[in-house]
């Protein structure tokens, strides 16, 4: 069977629907949230657009069909993310962050967890989900042997678990009213029977607890608090505040991953999102290229020839286009490989890591190159370039920073005695 890079009918339909949603829902949402100065107020102003996404099936579409959702392939998800990010990244991230928040359930959910997914399958309201992972002190090194591990803890007390600790950067975790989202997958450390062990493996204690808004309300005032709303250079309508859980009690049925299984599912969720960060980068590169090309068509910088006839300009702009095309190809390959192989999971995962690293770095460079091509006019806030760069800057450092997490994961793969460099491309090599 020949290699075919053309979109099939399903993928083409997904692209058309996503492009329409971006233009008719997300783009107007930007005009609304920009009426507000504070980021958390901007976030609240996107609720109408988010509700439209729920009604249109974009939330249900991020849940696996095995759990009653309408999710398609990871390639389709990447296409959808690219189309939205090419138009309005900030409002889009809130939608896709709910998808990340539901991914642990896609991976590890069992029939008894159906009640937790019900609000996201209904097609009604504006339910938010969050993968609550990062902490104020950072977590890049939390799973090293001998490390203290996650500082957010869970202790078994009869038929309940009691959560204490602070989290940060978890998109959507505070909900629309900042009293807690509809569903949080909280990654924490079991301290029920913990004894100091400097040589221990922190992974043995990592678990994931499901915390619903009803759980937080039942615990009363002060159980969940927003300590600080965080303002960021880009994604200026996104909420990922510094929060604190104080003696939050949840039933034993809320255990998604028992101690020892939480780290694998959490990082498995980030393997999926790595592909989608690649697609985010492609969307931003598209937007930077289109804006620079449009500028070149209407402006000669008072010269005798159009800007595209200037080799310096054309060299920079062609570089942006090439980077976007190369990044898209890598992203689609990573998405396809994650679900279809060839190779074992580690081989397929390597492509996801590569897409996250390469495309996020390329997006920053593409935005910078577009700015250099356009010149000083790009520094004017009425132009899109500064915001595109501010948005792109986070891609290499969130969702597992390229330096502290993602490249280290690639290093670990290469250090494995069974590492097969080209297994995800050609299938496992024959052992000599």
Foldseek 3Di string as FASTA:
>chain_A
DDDDPDDDPVLVVLLVVLLVLLVPQVQVLVVQLVVDDAQLSSLLSLQVSLLVCLLVQLLLCLADVVLVGNDDFLLSVLSSLLSNLLRHNLSVVQSVQQSLQCQLCNVQNDPLCSVLCVVSNPSGGRAGGWAFEAFPVGQLCQQPFLHPHFPWEWADDPQKIWTWDKTWQTWCQLDSVRQGGQKYFYWHFYPHPDDDDSRGGSQQGIFTFIDGSVLSVVVPPPQKHFPDWDAALASSNITTTIMIGDGRMDGNSRTRGGGNGRVVSSVVSLLSVLLNLLSSLLSLLSNLLVLLVVLQVVDCVPDPDGLCVPVLLVVLSVLSVVLSVVLSVLSSLLSCCCVPFDDDNLQSSLSSLVSLQSSLVSSLSSLVSSDVSNDPVLVDPVGCSSNSNSHSVCSCPPSAHNVSHSVVSVVVLVPDPLRDNCCRPPNRDDDD
